[in-house]
């Protein structure tokens, strides 16, 4: 017989949040990737390829979040669940909180965009690219000290 844990009130032990330390070079690499994904997302949006634009926007924001966390906290999320980065971003000052707000709205689109057969509306793609661009701008501002 398996007994539920008594550590948490609901009987489940929470999954540990996995992080990885990052170097200044890795912070810059994340910011560069974010920039490249962001530019590609804009290009795809201009070409009316809304699925690709949205997917690239999400990846831009995730890399931007890693850059912000690395610059402010010296670590980034390393778990399989992209939602773990949201917790770290909340700890990364006002820049992190701003990036968290944008990424929180983008992450729910990830599964739909990458794995579902549904199309992505032009307006949804446009908002996704705008949110990603704000994340990329935050990453750029935060990582300038690491260049």
N, C-alpha and C. Protein backbone atom coordinates (compact mmCIF):
# COMPACT_ATOMS: atom_id res chain seq x y z
N UNK A 1 0.83 -1.18 0.00
CA UNK A 1 0.00 0.00 0.00
C UNK A 1 0.88 1.24 0.00
N UNK A 2 0.60 2.17 -0.90
CA UNK A 2 1.34 3.41 -0.98
C UNK A 2 0.59 4.46 -0.17
N UNK A 3 1.31 5.13 0.71
CA UNK A 3 0.70 6.15 1.54
C UNK A 3 1.07 7.53 1.02
N UNK A 4 0.12 8.44 1.04
CA UNK A 4 0.45 9.80 0.59
C UNK A 4 1.41 10.48 1.55
N UNK A 5 2.18 11.35 1.03
CA UNK A 5 3.13 12.11 1.83
C UNK A 5 2.39 13.02 2.80
N UNK A 6 2.99 13.24 3.91
CA UNK A 6 2.41 14.18 4.87
C UNK A 6 3.18 15.50 4.86
N UNK A 7 4.12 15.63 3.93
CA UNK A 7 4.91 16.86 3.84
C UNK A 7 4.03 18.02 3.42
N UNK A 8 3.17 17.79 2.45
CA UNK A 8 2.27 18.83 1.98
C UNK A 8 0.85 18.47 2.39
N UNK A 9 0.05 19.46 2.59
CA UNK A 9 -1.32 19.25 3.02
C UNK A 9 -2.15 18.42 2.05
N UNK A 10 -1.83 18.46 0.77
CA UNK A 10 -2.61 17.71 -0.21
C UNK A 10 -2.09 16.30 -0.41
N UNK A 11 -1.04 15.91 0.30
CA UNK A 11 -0.51 14.56 0.20
C UNK A 11 0.54 14.37 -0.88
N UNK A 12 0.87 15.40 -1.61
CA UNK A 12 1.84 15.29 -2.68
C UNK A 12 3.10 16.08 -2.35
N UNK A 13 4.21 15.54 -2.75
CA UNK A 13 5.48 16.24 -2.60
C UNK A 13 5.67 17.09 -3.85
N UNK A 14 5.89 18.39 -3.70
CA UNK A 14 6.07 19.22 -4.90
C UNK A 14 7.35 18.85 -5.64
N UNK A 15 7.30 18.98 -6.96
CA UNK A 15 8.49 18.73 -7.76
C UNK A 15 9.52 19.81 -7.46
N UNK A 16 10.77 19.41 -7.33
CA UNK A 16 11.79 20.44 -7.10
C UNK A 16 11.97 21.30 -8.34
N UNK A 17 12.23 22.56 -8.12
CA UNK A 17 12.48 23.48 -9.23
C UNK A 17 13.95 23.33 -9.62
N UNK A 18 14.17 22.94 -10.84
CA UNK A 18 15.54 22.74 -11.31
C UNK A 18 16.05 24.03 -11.92
N UNK A 19 17.26 24.38 -11.53
CA UNK A 19 17.91 25.55 -12.11
C UNK A 19 19.34 25.17 -12.48
N UNK A 20 19.93 26.02 -13.31
CA UNK A 20 21.33 25.86 -13.70
C UNK A 20 22.03 27.19 -13.55
N UNK A 21 23.22 27.17 -12.98
CA UNK A 21 23.98 28.42 -12.93
C UNK A 21 24.39 28.82 -14.35
N UNK A 22 24.49 30.12 -14.58
CA UNK A 22 24.89 30.60 -15.90
C UNK A 22 26.04 31.58 -15.78
N UNK A 23 26.90 31.56 -16.78
CA UNK A 23 28.03 32.48 -16.85
C UNK A 23 27.58 33.74 -17.59
N UNK A 24 28.42 34.76 -17.55
CA UNK A 24 28.13 35.98 -18.31
C UNK A 24 28.03 35.69 -19.81
N UNK A 25 28.88 34.80 -20.30
CA UNK A 25 28.84 34.44 -21.72
C UNK A 25 27.51 33.76 -22.07
N UNK A 26 27.02 32.93 -21.16
CA UNK A 26 25.74 32.27 -21.41
C UNK A 26 24.57 33.25 -21.35
N UNK A 27 24.66 34.24 -20.47
CA UNK A 27 23.64 35.29 -20.41
C UNK A 27 23.59 36.01 -21.76
N UNK A 28 24.75 36.37 -22.28
CA UNK A 28 24.81 37.04 -23.58
C UNK A 28 24.30 36.14 -24.70
N UNK A 29 24.61 34.85 -24.63
CA UNK A 29 24.14 33.91 -25.66
C UNK A 29 22.61 33.82 -25.65
N UNK A 30 22.02 33.78 -24.47
CA UNK A 30 20.56 33.73 -24.36
C UNK A 30 19.94 35.01 -24.94
N UNK A 31 20.53 36.14 -24.64
CA UNK A 31 20.03 37.41 -25.16
C UNK A 31 20.15 37.46 -26.69
N UNK A 32 21.25 36.95 -27.22
CA UNK A 32 21.43 36.91 -28.67
C UNK A 32 20.41 35.99 -29.34
N UNK A 33 20.19 34.84 -28.73
CA UNK A 33 19.17 33.92 -29.27
C UNK A 33 17.80 34.57 -29.24
N UNK A 34 17.49 35.25 -28.14
CA UNK A 34 16.20 35.92 -28.02
C UNK A 34 16.04 36.94 -29.14
N UNK A 35 17.09 37.71 -29.39
CA UNK A 35 17.06 38.71 -30.46
C UNK A 35 16.82 38.05 -31.82
N UNK A 36 17.56 36.98 -32.09
CA UNK A 36 17.42 36.29 -33.38
C UNK A 36 16.03 35.70 -33.56
N UNK A 37 15.52 35.03 -32.53
CA UNK A 37 14.16 34.49 -32.61
C UNK A 37 13.14 35.61 -32.79
N UNK A 38 13.35 36.72 -32.09
CA UNK A 38 12.43 37.85 -32.21
C UNK A 38 12.39 38.44 -33.60
N UNK A 39 13.56 38.60 -34.19
CA UNK A 39 13.64 39.11 -35.57
C UNK A 39 12.98 38.14 -36.54
N UNK A 40 13.22 36.86 -36.36
CA UNK A 40 12.61 35.85 -37.23
C UNK A 40 11.09 35.85 -37.06
N UNK A 41 10.61 36.03 -35.83
CA UNK A 41 9.17 36.09 -35.59
C UNK A 41 8.55 37.27 -36.33
N UNK A 42 9.21 38.40 -36.29
CA UNK A 42 8.72 39.59 -37.01
C UNK A 42 8.67 39.34 -38.51
N UNK A 43 9.71 38.70 -39.03
CA UNK A 43 9.75 38.39 -40.46
C UNK A 43 8.61 37.45 -40.87
N UNK A 44 8.38 36.45 -40.04
CA UNK A 44 7.30 35.50 -40.33
C UNK A 44 5.94 36.18 -40.25
N UNK A 45 5.78 37.09 -39.30
CA UNK A 45 4.53 37.84 -39.18
C UNK A 45 4.31 38.68 -40.44
N UNK A 46 5.35 39.34 -40.90
CA UNK A 46 5.26 40.14 -42.12
C UNK A 46 4.89 39.28 -43.34
N UNK A 47 5.32 38.01 -43.32
CA UNK A 47 5.03 37.09 -44.42
C UNK A 47 3.71 36.35 -44.23
N UNK A 48 2.97 36.72 -43.19
CA UNK A 48 1.66 36.14 -42.87
C UNK A 48 1.74 34.64 -42.56
N UNK A 49 2.84 34.22 -42.00
CA UNK A 49 3.00 32.84 -41.52
C UNK A 49 2.83 32.90 -40.00
N UNK A 50 1.59 32.86 -39.58
CA UNK A 50 1.24 33.17 -38.20
C UNK A 50 1.62 32.07 -37.21
N UNK A 51 1.59 30.84 -37.63
CA UNK A 51 2.01 29.75 -36.73
C UNK A 51 3.50 29.88 -36.44
N UNK A 52 4.28 30.04 -37.48
CA UNK A 52 5.73 30.19 -37.30
C UNK A 52 6.06 31.43 -36.49
N UNK A 53 5.38 32.53 -36.78
CA UNK A 53 5.63 33.78 -36.06
C UNK A 53 5.36 33.61 -34.57
N UNK A 54 4.27 32.95 -34.24
CA UNK A 54 3.91 32.76 -32.84
C UNK A 54 4.90 31.84 -32.14
N UNK A 55 5.26 30.75 -32.80
CA UNK A 55 6.22 29.81 -32.21
C UNK A 55 7.57 30.48 -31.97
N UNK A 56 8.04 31.22 -32.94
CA UNK A 56 9.32 31.92 -32.79
C UNK A 56 9.24 32.99 -31.71
N UNK A 57 8.10 33.65 -31.60
CA UNK A 57 7.92 34.66 -30.55
C UNK A 57 8.03 34.02 -29.17
N UNK A 58 7.43 32.86 -29.01
CA UNK A 58 7.50 32.15 -27.72
C UNK A 58 8.94 31.80 -27.39
N UNK A 59 9.67 31.30 -28.37
CA UNK A 59 11.08 30.95 -28.13
C UNK A 59 11.93 32.18 -27.85
N UNK A 60 11.60 33.29 -28.49
CA UNK A 60 12.31 34.55 -28.19
C UNK A 60 12.10 34.93 -26.74
N UNK A 61 10.86 34.86 -26.27
CA UNK A 61 10.55 35.25 -24.90
C UNK A 61 11.18 34.31 -23.88
N UNK A 62 11.21 33.03 -24.17
CA UNK A 62 11.83 32.06 -23.25
C UNK A 62 13.33 32.34 -23.13
N UNK A 63 13.98 32.58 -24.24
CA UNK A 63 15.42 32.90 -24.19
C UNK A 63 15.66 34.24 -23.51
N UNK A 64 14.78 35.19 -23.74
CA UNK A 64 14.90 36.49 -23.05
C UNK A 64 14.76 36.30 -21.55
N UNK A 65 13.82 35.46 -21.15
CA UNK A 65 13.62 35.19 -19.73
C UNK A 65 14.87 34.56 -19.12
N UNK A 66 15.48 33.64 -19.83
CA UNK A 66 16.72 33.02 -19.35
C UNK A 66 17.82 34.06 -19.20
N UNK A 67 17.89 35.00 -20.14
CA UNK A 67 18.90 36.06 -20.06
C UNK A 67 18.65 36.95 -18.85
N UNK A 68 17.41 37.33 -18.62
CA UNK A 68 17.07 38.19 -17.48
C UNK A 68 17.38 37.47 -16.18
N UNK A 69 16.95 36.21 -16.07
CA UNK A 69 17.22 35.46 -14.84
C UNK A 69 18.73 35.27 -14.63
N UNK A 70 19.44 34.97 -15.70
CA UNK A 70 20.88 34.80 -15.58
C UNK A 70 21.57 36.07 -15.14
N UNK A 71 21.16 37.19 -15.71
CA UNK A 71 21.78 38.47 -15.35
C UNK A 71 21.45 38.88 -13.93
N UNK A 72 20.22 38.71 -13.52
CA UNK A 72 19.77 39.17 -12.21
C UNK A 72 19.99 38.17 -11.07
N UNK A 73 19.92 36.87 -11.41
CA UNK A 73 19.98 35.85 -10.36
C UNK A 73 21.18 34.91 -10.47
N UNK A 74 21.86 34.94 -11.63
CA UNK A 74 22.99 34.03 -11.83
C UNK A 74 22.57 32.60 -12.13
N UNK A 75 21.30 32.40 -12.46
CA UNK A 75 20.80 31.06 -12.79
C UNK A 75 19.61 31.19 -13.73
N UNK A 76 19.28 30.04 -14.34
CA UNK A 76 18.11 29.99 -15.21
C UNK A 76 17.35 28.71 -14.91
N UNK A 77 16.09 28.68 -15.30
CA UNK A 77 15.28 27.48 -15.11
C UNK A 77 15.82 26.39 -16.03
N UNK A 78 15.82 25.15 -15.53
CA UNK A 78 16.36 24.04 -16.32
C UNK A 78 15.42 22.85 -16.34
N UNK A 79 14.20 23.02 -15.84
CA UNK A 79 13.24 21.93 -15.84
C UNK A 79 12.53 21.80 -17.17
N UNK A 80 11.80 20.72 -17.33
CA UNK A 80 11.04 20.49 -18.56
C UNK A 80 9.83 21.40 -18.65
N UNK A 81 9.36 21.88 -17.54
CA UNK A 81 8.17 22.74 -17.49
C UNK A 81 8.59 24.19 -17.63
N UNK A 82 8.23 24.80 -18.76
CA UNK A 82 8.60 26.20 -18.99
C UNK A 82 7.97 27.14 -17.97
N UNK A 83 6.93 26.71 -17.29
CA UNK A 83 6.30 27.57 -16.29
C UNK A 83 7.22 27.83 -15.09
N UNK A 84 8.23 27.00 -14.90
CA UNK A 84 9.15 27.19 -13.78
C UNK A 84 9.90 28.51 -13.89
N UNK A 85 10.14 28.97 -15.10
CA UNK A 85 10.86 30.23 -15.26
C UNK A 85 10.03 31.40 -14.72
N UNK A 86 8.73 31.27 -14.69
CA UNK A 86 7.88 32.36 -14.19
C UNK A 86 8.19 32.66 -12.73
N UNK A 87 8.43 31.63 -11.95
CA UNK A 87 8.78 31.81 -10.54
C UNK A 87 10.11 32.54 -10.41
N UNK A 88 11.08 32.14 -11.22
CA UNK A 88 12.38 32.81 -11.17
C UNK A 88 12.27 34.27 -11.60
N UNK A 89 11.49 34.53 -12.64
CA UNK A 89 11.36 35.90 -13.11
C UNK A 89 10.80 36.82 -12.03
N UNK A 90 9.90 36.31 -11.21
CA UNK A 90 9.33 37.12 -10.13
C UNK A 90 10.39 37.53 -9.12
N UNK A 91 11.48 36.77 -9.05
CA UNK A 91 12.57 37.05 -8.12
C UNK A 91 13.64 37.95 -8.74
N UNK A 92 13.48 38.27 -10.03
CA UNK A 92 14.54 38.96 -10.77
C UNK A 92 14.29 40.46 -10.91
N UNK A 93 13.68 41.07 -9.92
CA UNK A 93 13.49 42.51 -9.91
C UNK A 93 12.38 42.97 -10.84
N UNK A 94 12.35 44.27 -11.09
CA UNK A 94 11.27 44.84 -11.90
C UNK A 94 11.35 44.38 -13.35
N UNK A 95 12.56 44.19 -13.87
CA UNK A 95 12.71 43.67 -15.23
C UNK A 95 12.15 42.25 -15.32
N UNK A 96 12.45 41.47 -14.33
CA UNK A 96 11.94 40.10 -14.29
C UNK A 96 10.42 40.06 -14.19
N UNK A 97 9.87 40.93 -13.37
CA UNK A 97 8.41 40.97 -13.22
C UNK A 97 7.74 41.37 -14.53
N UNK A 98 8.34 42.31 -15.25
CA UNK A 98 7.79 42.74 -16.53
C UNK A 98 7.86 41.59 -17.55
N UNK A 99 8.98 40.89 -17.58
CA UNK A 99 9.13 39.75 -18.50
C UNK A 99 8.17 38.62 -18.12
N UNK A 100 7.98 38.42 -16.83
CA UNK A 100 7.07 37.38 -16.36
C UNK A 100 5.65 37.64 -16.85
N UNK A 101 5.23 38.87 -16.80
CA UNK A 101 3.89 39.24 -17.26
C UNK A 101 3.69 38.88 -18.73
N UNK A 102 4.68 39.18 -19.55
CA UNK A 102 4.58 38.90 -20.98
C UNK A 102 4.66 37.40 -21.26
N UNK A 103 5.63 36.73 -20.63
CA UNK A 103 5.81 35.31 -20.86
C UNK A 103 4.62 34.50 -20.36
N UNK A 104 4.02 34.91 -19.27
CA UNK A 104 2.85 34.22 -18.73
C UNK A 104 1.73 34.18 -19.78
N UNK A 105 1.62 35.21 -20.59
CA UNK A 105 0.58 35.24 -21.63
C UNK A 105 0.99 34.45 -22.87
N UNK A 106 2.27 34.27 -23.08
CA UNK A 106 2.74 33.54 -24.26
C UNK A 106 2.76 32.02 -24.06
N UNK A 107 3.13 31.57 -22.88
CA UNK A 107 3.31 30.13 -22.68
C UNK A 107 2.07 29.29 -23.00
N UNK A 108 0.86 29.75 -22.70
CA UNK A 108 -0.31 28.93 -23.05
C UNK A 108 -0.46 28.70 -24.57
N UNK A 109 0.17 29.53 -25.36
CA UNK A 109 0.09 29.37 -26.82
C UNK A 109 1.06 28.30 -27.33
N UNK A 110 2.03 27.92 -26.52
CA UNK A 110 3.09 27.02 -26.99
C UNK A 110 2.54 25.69 -27.50
N UNK A 111 1.74 25.02 -26.71
CA UNK A 111 1.20 23.73 -27.13
C UNK A 111 0.29 23.89 -28.34
N UNK A 112 -0.58 24.88 -28.30
CA UNK A 112 -1.50 25.10 -29.43
C UNK A 112 -0.72 25.37 -30.71
N UNK A 113 0.28 26.20 -30.62
CA UNK A 113 1.04 26.60 -31.79
C UNK A 113 1.87 25.45 -32.35
N UNK A 114 2.50 24.70 -31.48
CA UNK A 114 3.47 23.71 -31.93
C UNK A 114 2.90 22.31 -32.13
N UNK A 115 1.79 21.99 -31.47
CA UNK A 115 1.33 20.60 -31.51
C UNK A 115 -0.11 20.41 -31.95
N UNK A 116 -0.91 21.44 -31.91
CA UNK A 116 -2.32 21.31 -32.28
C UNK A 116 -2.50 21.64 -33.77
N UNK A 117 -3.52 21.06 -34.40
CA UNK A 117 -3.72 21.31 -35.84
C UNK A 117 -4.38 22.66 -36.14
N UNK A 118 -4.83 23.37 -35.13
CA UNK A 118 -5.53 24.63 -35.34
C UNK A 118 -4.61 25.71 -35.88
N UNK A 119 -5.20 26.61 -36.66
CA UNK A 119 -4.46 27.78 -37.14
C UNK A 119 -4.32 28.80 -36.02
N UNK A 120 -3.45 29.74 -36.22
CA UNK A 120 -3.27 30.87 -35.32
C UNK A 120 -3.76 32.12 -36.05
N UNK A 121 -4.65 32.85 -35.42
CA UNK A 121 -5.19 34.05 -36.04
C UNK A 121 -4.11 35.13 -36.14
N UNK A 122 -4.26 35.98 -37.13
CA UNK A 122 -3.30 37.06 -37.35
C UNK A 122 -3.15 37.94 -36.11
N UNK A 123 -4.26 38.26 -35.46
CA UNK A 123 -4.22 39.11 -34.27
C UNK A 123 -3.48 38.46 -33.11
N UNK A 124 -3.66 37.16 -32.96
CA UNK A 124 -2.96 36.42 -31.90
C UNK A 124 -1.46 36.43 -32.18
N UNK A 125 -1.08 36.18 -33.41
CA UNK A 125 0.34 36.19 -33.78
C UNK A 125 0.94 37.56 -33.57
N UNK A 126 0.21 38.60 -33.95
CA UNK A 126 0.73 39.97 -33.79
C UNK A 126 0.97 40.29 -32.32
N UNK A 127 0.02 39.94 -31.47
CA UNK A 127 0.19 40.18 -30.02
C UNK A 127 1.36 39.37 -29.47
N UNK A 128 1.50 38.13 -29.93
CA UNK A 128 2.61 37.28 -29.46
C UNK A 128 3.95 37.91 -29.82
N UNK A 129 4.07 38.40 -31.04
CA UNK A 129 5.33 39.02 -31.47
C UNK A 129 5.58 40.29 -30.68
N UNK A 130 4.56 41.08 -30.42
CA UNK A 130 4.72 42.30 -29.61
C UNK A 130 5.18 41.96 -28.20
N UNK A 131 4.58 40.94 -27.60
CA UNK A 131 4.99 40.54 -26.25
C UNK A 131 6.44 40.06 -26.24
N UNK A 132 6.79 39.27 -27.24
CA UNK A 132 8.16 38.77 -27.33
C UNK A 132 9.14 39.92 -27.50
N UNK A 133 8.79 40.90 -28.31
CA UNK A 133 9.67 42.04 -28.52
C UNK A 133 9.90 42.81 -27.22
N UNK A 134 8.88 42.89 -26.38
CA UNK A 134 9.07 43.55 -25.08
C UNK A 134 10.03 42.73 -24.20
N UNK A 135 9.90 41.42 -24.25
CA UNK A 135 10.82 40.56 -23.49
C UNK A 135 12.25 40.70 -24.00
N UNK A 136 12.41 40.72 -25.30
CA UNK A 136 13.74 40.86 -25.90
C UNK A 136 14.35 42.20 -25.50
N UNK A 137 13.56 43.26 -25.52
CA UNK A 137 14.06 44.58 -25.13
C UNK A 137 14.51 44.58 -23.67
N UNK A 138 13.75 43.90 -22.81
CA UNK A 138 14.15 43.79 -21.40
C UNK A 138 15.47 43.04 -21.27
N UNK A 139 15.59 41.95 -21.99
CA UNK A 139 16.83 41.15 -21.93
C UNK A 139 18.01 41.98 -22.42
N UNK A 140 17.80 42.73 -23.48
CA UNK A 140 18.88 43.55 -24.01
C UNK A 140 19.32 44.60 -22.99
N UNK A 141 18.35 45.24 -22.37
CA UNK A 141 18.68 46.28 -21.38
C UNK A 141 19.41 45.68 -20.17
N UNK A 142 18.97 44.55 -19.73
CA UNK A 142 19.55 43.92 -18.53
C UNK A 142 20.95 43.39 -18.81
N UNK A 143 21.17 42.90 -20.03
CA UNK A 143 22.46 42.25 -20.32
C UNK A 143 23.51 43.19 -20.87
N UNK A 144 23.20 44.45 -21.05
CA UNK A 144 24.21 45.38 -21.58
C UNK A 144 25.45 45.44 -20.69
N UNK A 145 25.26 45.22 -19.42
CA UNK A 145 26.40 45.26 -18.48
C UNK A 145 27.32 44.04 -18.69
N UNK A 146 26.82 43.00 -19.37
CA UNK A 146 27.60 41.79 -19.55
C UNK A 146 28.37 41.78 -20.87
N UNK A 147 28.19 42.81 -21.67
CA UNK A 147 28.86 42.84 -22.99
C UNK A 147 30.28 43.31 -22.87
